[in-house]
Amino acid sequence: MPLTPLDIHNKEFKRSLRGYNEDEVNDFLDRIIKDYEGLIRQHKELEERCAQLEEQVNHFKMMEDSLSK
């Protein structure tokens, strides 16, 4: 199953004495979530555009078949 922005947001990391700065990690995860959401949105738009273009191609193929008959 693909990773979702909510999965990234809810990810918990173990704390250690010499671990990473928690605020820096959270800021970076916020940037990742924002970019990931943008990519998901762009992917959906491209899929929709692809479907539209496939419909147009099918329409033109039908026109071509009609003209050739």
Protein backbone atom coordinates (compact mmCIF):
# COMPACT_ATOMS: atom_id res chain seq x y z
CA MET A 1 0.00 0.00 0.00
CA PRO A 2 1.45 3.41 -0.93
CA LEU A 3 2.55 5.88 1.68
CA THR A 4 0.11 8.75 2.29
CA PRO A 5 0.76 12.26 3.60
CA LEU A 6 -1.15 11.24 6.74
CA ASP A 7 1.25 8.30 7.24
CA ILE A 8 4.18 10.73 7.10
CA HIS A 9 2.46 13.12 9.48
CA ASN A 10 1.69 10.37 12.01
CA LYS A 11 5.13 8.74 11.89
CA GLU A 12 6.72 8.57 15.33
CA PHE A 13 10.46 8.22 15.85
CA LYS A 14 12.23 6.85 18.89
CA ARG A 15 14.00 9.40 21.07
CA SER A 16 17.58 8.97 22.14
CA LEU A 17 20.04 10.99 24.16
CA ARG A 18 22.01 12.12 21.13
CA GLY A 19 19.16 12.01 18.65
CA TYR A 20 18.17 14.48 15.98
CA ASN A 21 16.65 17.87 16.75
CA GLU A 22 12.92 17.15 16.97
CA ASP A 23 11.89 20.55 15.57
CA GLU A 24 14.16 20.15 12.54
CA VAL A 25 12.79 16.68 11.86
CA ASN A 26 9.19 17.92 12.15
CA ASP A 27 9.87 20.90 9.87
CA PHE A 28 11.44 18.60 7.30
CA LEU A 29 8.53 16.14 7.50
CA ASP A 30 6.12 19.06 6.98
CA ARG A 31 7.99 20.01 3.80
CA ILE A 32 7.89 16.39 2.62
CA ILE A 33 4.13 16.21 3.27
CA LYS A 34 3.53 19.42 1.31
CA ASP A 35 5.60 18.23 -1.66
CA TYR A 36 4.06 14.75 -1.56
CA GLU A 37 0.53 16.16 -1.55
CA GLY A 38 1.48 18.30 -4.56
CA LEU A 39 2.79 15.26 -6.40
CA ILE A 40 -0.35 13.27 -5.63
CA ARG A 41 -2.51 16.14 -6.91
CA GLN A 42 -0.37 16.50 -10.06
CA HIS A 43 -0.52 12.75 -10.68
CA LYS A 44 -4.32 12.77 -10.44
CA GLU A 45 -4.54 15.70 -12.87
CA LEU A 46 -2.25 13.91 -15.33
CA GLU A 47 -4.32 10.73 -15.09
CA GLU A 48 -7.47 12.73 -15.83
CA ARG A 49 -5.80 14.47 -18.78
CA CYS A 50 -4.59 11.12 -20.09
CA ALA A 51 -8.14 9.74 -19.93
CA GLN A 52 -9.42 12.79 -21.85
CA LEU A 53 -6.80 12.34 -24.54
CA GLU A 54 -7.58 8.62 -24.83
CA GLU A 55 -11.24 9.52 -25.38
CA GLN A 56 -10.24 11.96 -28.12
CA VAL A 57 -8.05 9.35 -29.79
CA ASN A 58 -10.91 6.84 -29.73
CA HIS A 59 -13.24 9.45 -31.20
CA PHE A 60 -10.82 10.17 -34.05
CA LYS A 61 -10.30 6.46 -34.67
CA MET A 62 -14.05 6.03 -35.01
CA MET A 63 -14.15 8.97 -37.43
CA GLU A 64 -11.30 7.45 -39.41
CA ASP A 65 -13.11 4.10 -39.61
CA SER A 66 -16.29 5.83 -40.77
CA LEU A 67 -14.46 7.77 -43.44
CA SER A 68 -12.62 4.73 -44.72
CA LYS A 69 -15.91 2.82 -45.15
